[in-house]
Protein backbone atom coordinates (compact mmCIF):
# COMPACT_ATOMS: atom_id res chain seq x y z
CA MET A 1 3.00 13.70 8.80
CA LYS A 2 1.78 11.43 11.61
CA LEU A 3 1.18 7.79 12.25
CA LEU A 4 -2.41 7.44 13.64
CA SER A 5 -2.90 3.45 14.03
CA VAL A 6 -0.98 0.57 13.90
CA ASN A 7 -3.14 -2.63 12.40
CA VAL A 8 -2.42 -6.26 12.45
CA SER A 9 -4.09 -9.60 11.76
CA LEU A 10 -2.98 -12.91 11.27
CA PRO A 11 -4.80 -14.81 8.46
CA LYS A 12 -8.38 -16.06 8.78
CA THR A 13 -10.76 -18.09 6.74
CA PHE A 14 -14.04 -16.99 5.54
CA VAL A 15 -16.63 -18.14 3.13
CA TYR A 16 -16.50 -15.72 -0.21
CA ASP A 17 -18.74 -16.72 -3.20
CA GLY A 18 -19.31 -20.35 -1.66
CA LYS A 19 -15.48 -20.76 -1.28
CA SER A 20 -13.14 -20.78 1.75
CA VAL A 21 -10.77 -17.93 1.46
CA THR A 22 -7.71 -17.17 3.90
CA THR A 23 -6.97 -13.62 3.96
CA GLY A 24 -5.09 -11.33 6.65
CA ILE A 25 -7.00 -8.34 5.22
CA PHE A 26 -9.14 -8.08 8.41
CA LYS A 27 -6.66 -5.77 10.07
CA GLU A 28 -7.46 -3.99 13.70
CA PRO A 29 -5.66 -1.65 15.46
CA VAL A 30 -3.29 -2.39 18.38
CA PRO A 31 -2.22 -0.41 21.51
CA GLY A 32 1.37 0.20 22.41
CA ARG A 33 4.38 -0.24 20.38
CA VAL A 34 4.85 -2.74 17.80
CA MET A 35 7.95 -4.07 16.28
CA VAL A 36 8.55 -3.80 12.44
CA THR A 37 10.64 -6.48 11.11
CA ARG A 38 11.97 -7.04 7.66
CA LEU A 39 8.89 -8.83 6.23
CA ASN A 40 5.93 -7.44 8.19
CA LEU A 41 4.78 -6.26 11.83
CA GLU A 42 4.55 -8.24 15.06
CA GLY A 43 1.61 -10.25 15.28
CA ASP A 44 0.64 -9.37 11.45
CA GLY A 45 0.46 -12.21 8.76
CA GLN A 46 -0.32 -12.83 5.11
CA ALA A 47 -2.09 -15.61 3.77
CA ASP A 48 -0.86 -16.10 -0.11
CA LEU A 49 2.71 -15.53 0.18
CA THR A 50 2.92 -15.72 -3.71
CA VAL A 51 1.02 -12.24 -4.15
CA HIS A 52 1.32 -10.44 -0.66
CA GLY A 53 4.18 -9.95 1.42
CA GLY A 54 7.98 -10.26 0.53
CA ILE A 55 10.39 -7.64 1.27
CA ASP A 56 8.67 -5.03 -1.07
CA LYS A 57 5.25 -5.47 0.56
CA ALA A 58 6.37 -5.62 4.27
CA VAL A 59 4.14 -2.88 5.29
CA TYR A 60 1.28 -1.23 3.57
CA ALA A 61 0.07 2.45 4.48
CA TYR A 62 -3.18 4.28 3.87
CA ASP A 63 -3.98 7.82 4.41
CA ILE A 64 -6.60 8.88 6.52
CA ASP A 65 -7.63 11.65 3.95
CA SER A 66 -8.75 8.48 1.77
CA TYR A 67 -10.86 7.21 4.66
CA ARG A 68 -13.01 10.67 4.57
CA TYR A 69 -13.03 10.32 0.84
CA TRP A 70 -14.93 6.65 0.91
CA GLN A 71 -16.92 7.64 3.44
CA ARG A 72 -18.37 10.34 1.15
CA GLU A 73 -18.28 8.21 -1.74
CA LEU A 74 -19.88 5.26 0.01
CA GLY A 75 -22.18 7.00 2.42
CA TRP A 76 -20.62 5.30 5.55
CA ASP A 77 -19.63 6.63 8.82
CA ASN A 78 -18.07 3.48 10.61
CA LEU A 79 -14.93 2.97 8.87
CA ALA A 80 -12.26 1.87 11.85
CA TYR A 81 -8.60 2.16 11.19
CA GLY A 82 -7.49 -0.76 9.46
CA HIS A 83 -10.64 -0.98 7.39
CA PHE A 84 -8.63 -1.08 3.85
CA GLY A 85 -6.40 -3.66 5.31
CA GLU A 86 -3.57 -1.32 5.97
CA ASN A 87 -0.83 -1.52 8.83
CA LEU A 88 -0.01 1.79 9.09
CA THR A 89 -3.08 4.30 9.00
CA VAL A 90 -1.18 7.56 8.54
CA GLU A 91 -1.98 11.26 7.95
CA ASP A 92 -0.99 13.69 5.45
CA MET A 93 0.55 11.26 3.10
CA PRO A 94 -1.80 11.38 0.08
CA ASP A 95 -0.63 9.46 -2.86
CA ASP A 96 -0.15 12.19 -5.20
CA ARG A 97 2.36 13.30 -2.76
CA ILE A 98 4.48 10.45 -1.82
CA HIS A 99 7.21 9.13 -4.27
CA ILE A 100 8.43 6.04 -5.10
CA GLY A 101 11.77 5.65 -3.22
CA ASP A 102 10.96 8.31 -0.53
CA VAL A 103 12.44 7.24 2.70
CA PHE A 104 10.50 7.69 6.11
CA GLN A 105 11.60 7.52 9.71
CA VAL A 106 8.79 6.31 11.79
CA GLY A 107 9.41 5.73 15.44
CA GLY A 108 12.48 3.36 15.41
CA ALA A 109 11.85 2.06 11.81
CA LEU A 110 13.26 3.57 8.52
CA LEU A 111 10.73 2.55 5.80
CA GLU A 112 11.08 3.06 2.11
CA VAL A 113 8.38 3.43 -0.57
CA SER A 114 8.27 0.48 -3.02
CA GLN A 115 4.89 0.60 -4.93
CA PRO A 116 1.49 1.15 -5.00
CA ARG A 117 -1.19 -1.28 -3.55
CA VAL A 118 -3.07 -3.51 -6.36
CA PRO A 119 -6.65 -4.05 -4.89
CA CYS A 120 -7.95 -7.81 -5.17
CA PHE A 121 -11.12 -9.54 -4.59
CA LYS A 122 -10.27 -9.94 -0.77
CA LEU A 123 -10.84 -6.09 -0.60
CA GLU A 124 -14.17 -6.72 -1.92
CA LEU A 125 -14.63 -9.78 0.27
CA LYS A 126 -13.96 -7.06 3.37
CA MET A 127 -15.72 -4.17 1.90
CA GLU A 128 -18.94 -6.96 1.12
CA MET A 129 -19.00 -5.07 -2.40
CA VAL A 130 -18.65 -7.18 -5.45
CA GLY A 131 -16.67 -5.27 -7.92
CA PHE A 132 -15.25 -2.74 -5.50
CA SER A 133 -11.39 -3.61 -6.58
CA ARG A 134 -12.53 -1.62 -9.83
CA GLN A 135 -13.94 1.57 -8.07
CA PHE A 136 -10.77 1.53 -5.85
CA LEU A 137 -8.24 1.48 -8.39
CA ALA A 138 -10.02 4.04 -10.31
CA SER A 139 -10.11 6.39 -7.28
CA GLY A 140 -6.50 6.75 -7.54
CA ARG A 141 -6.50 6.30 -3.83
CA LEU A 142 -4.45 2.95 -3.58
CA GLY A 143 -2.10 3.75 -0.72
CA PHE A 144 1.18 2.31 -0.95
CA TYR A 145 3.76 -0.55 0.28
CA LEU A 146 7.13 0.02 2.12
CA ARG A 147 10.29 -1.88 2.41
CA VAL A 148 12.00 -1.91 5.97
CA LEU A 149 15.43 -0.61 5.79
CA GLU A 150 15.91 -0.26 9.55
CA GLU A 151 13.88 -2.48 12.03
CA GLY A 152 12.17 -0.96 14.90
CA GLU A 153 9.14 -0.40 17.07
CA VAL A 154 6.18 2.07 16.00
CA GLY A 155 3.16 3.33 17.42
CA ALA A 156 0.38 5.44 17.10
CA GLY A 157 1.20 9.08 17.53
CA ASP A 158 4.64 8.71 15.95
CA ILE A 159 5.80 11.59 14.01
CA ILE A 160 6.51 10.32 10.14
CA ALA A 161 9.78 12.32 8.85
CA ARG A 162 10.53 12.29 5.07
CA VAL A 163 14.36 12.01 5.47
CA LYS A 164 15.14 11.14 1.74
CA THR A 165 13.01 11.39 -1.61
CA ASP A 166 13.87 9.96 -5.23
CA ARG A 167 15.43 12.98 -7.38
CA LYS A 168 12.60 11.87 -10.00
CA GLN A 169 9.80 12.35 -7.52
CA VAL A 170 7.35 10.11 -9.29
CA SER A 171 4.05 9.86 -6.94
CA VAL A 172 2.65 6.66 -6.35
CA ARG A 173 -0.79 7.86 -7.92
CA ALA A 174 1.30 8.38 -11.07
CA VAL A 175 2.96 5.07 -11.04
CA ALA A 176 -0.57 3.21 -10.98
CA ARG A 177 -2.22 5.61 -13.34
CA LEU A 178 0.50 4.64 -15.85
CA LEU A 179 0.27 0.97 -15.30
CA TYR A 180 -3.71 0.93 -15.41
CA PHE A 181 -4.54 3.97 -17.48
CA ASP A 182 -1.74 5.32 -19.55
CA ARG A 183 0.02 2.32 -20.60
CA ASP A 184 1.10 3.89 -24.22
CA ASN A 185 3.24 6.76 -22.34
CA LEU A 186 6.47 5.30 -23.25
CA ASP A 187 8.50 8.07 -22.16
CA LYS A 188 7.02 8.08 -18.90
CA ILE A 189 7.74 4.61 -18.77
CA ARG A 190 11.04 5.02 -18.98
CA GLU A 191 11.28 7.46 -16.38
CA VAL A 192 9.48 5.22 -13.89
CA LEU A 193 11.98 2.48 -14.90
CA ARG A 194 14.75 4.72 -14.01
CA VAL A 195 13.61 4.85 -10.00
CA PRO A 196 15.72 2.57 -8.41
CA ALA A 197 13.33 1.57 -5.47
CA LEU A 198 10.44 0.44 -7.84
CA ALA A 199 9.67 -2.78 -6.76
CA GLN A 200 10.19 -5.72 -9.27
CA ALA A 201 6.81 -6.90 -9.36
CA TRP A 202 5.95 -3.36 -11.17
CA ARG A 203 9.26 -2.90 -13.00
CA ASP A 204 8.17 -6.29 -14.64
CA PRO A 205 5.03 -5.21 -16.62
CA PHE A 206 6.38 -1.71 -17.38
CA GLU A 207 9.67 -3.17 -19.23
CA GLN A 208 7.07 -5.75 -21.06
CA LEU A 209 4.90 -2.41 -22.04
CA LEU A 210 8.23 -0.92 -22.95
CA ALA A 211 9.38 -3.50 -25.22
CA LYS A 212 6.12 -4.14 -26.86
CA GLY A 213 5.77 -0.59 -27.73
CA THR A 214 9.49 -0.46 -29.28
CA SER A 215 9.32 -3.66 -31.32
């Protein structure tokens, strides 16, 4: 596993559907080493802190194989690193082989997988494709957020080492599929809820589904 690019952006304002929208999704690669802090990367920012950022979503990673998938799917060949709004463009870390609770050493930082990414209209703004968030979700190639256990510098070319994996080994893709496409699978929901590292933002809807299904 390898870090291919570090991408950041401060929030910028654009016009979307006739309205002004402020977003930090337009990430661009930065050279050299970048400090990863408890809440984000140096030089990075989120516009709407009610749904973006925070301890459980400090860093967003997306795998290069998903870039290749979208290049084939969309017929595009101009996807630069950071195109999907990720902070870290990574190699050999597909959603079906990364688990909630996995801990990775990346340069000087120690990062823990907390949840899948949930696409929103700002991804459609970036892609200039109305409805793309649904296509993105259906693909199962969402990428994943990480919380920062130890702050440190990272840079393109760093080797990524998995230093811990949760014993349940519930993949990022499996968790996303469960919430959006397999909501009646109460046994699997119980299993996911036993993963301590799962972010509260995902724990809440699973607990609601479980309560509804057992009432």
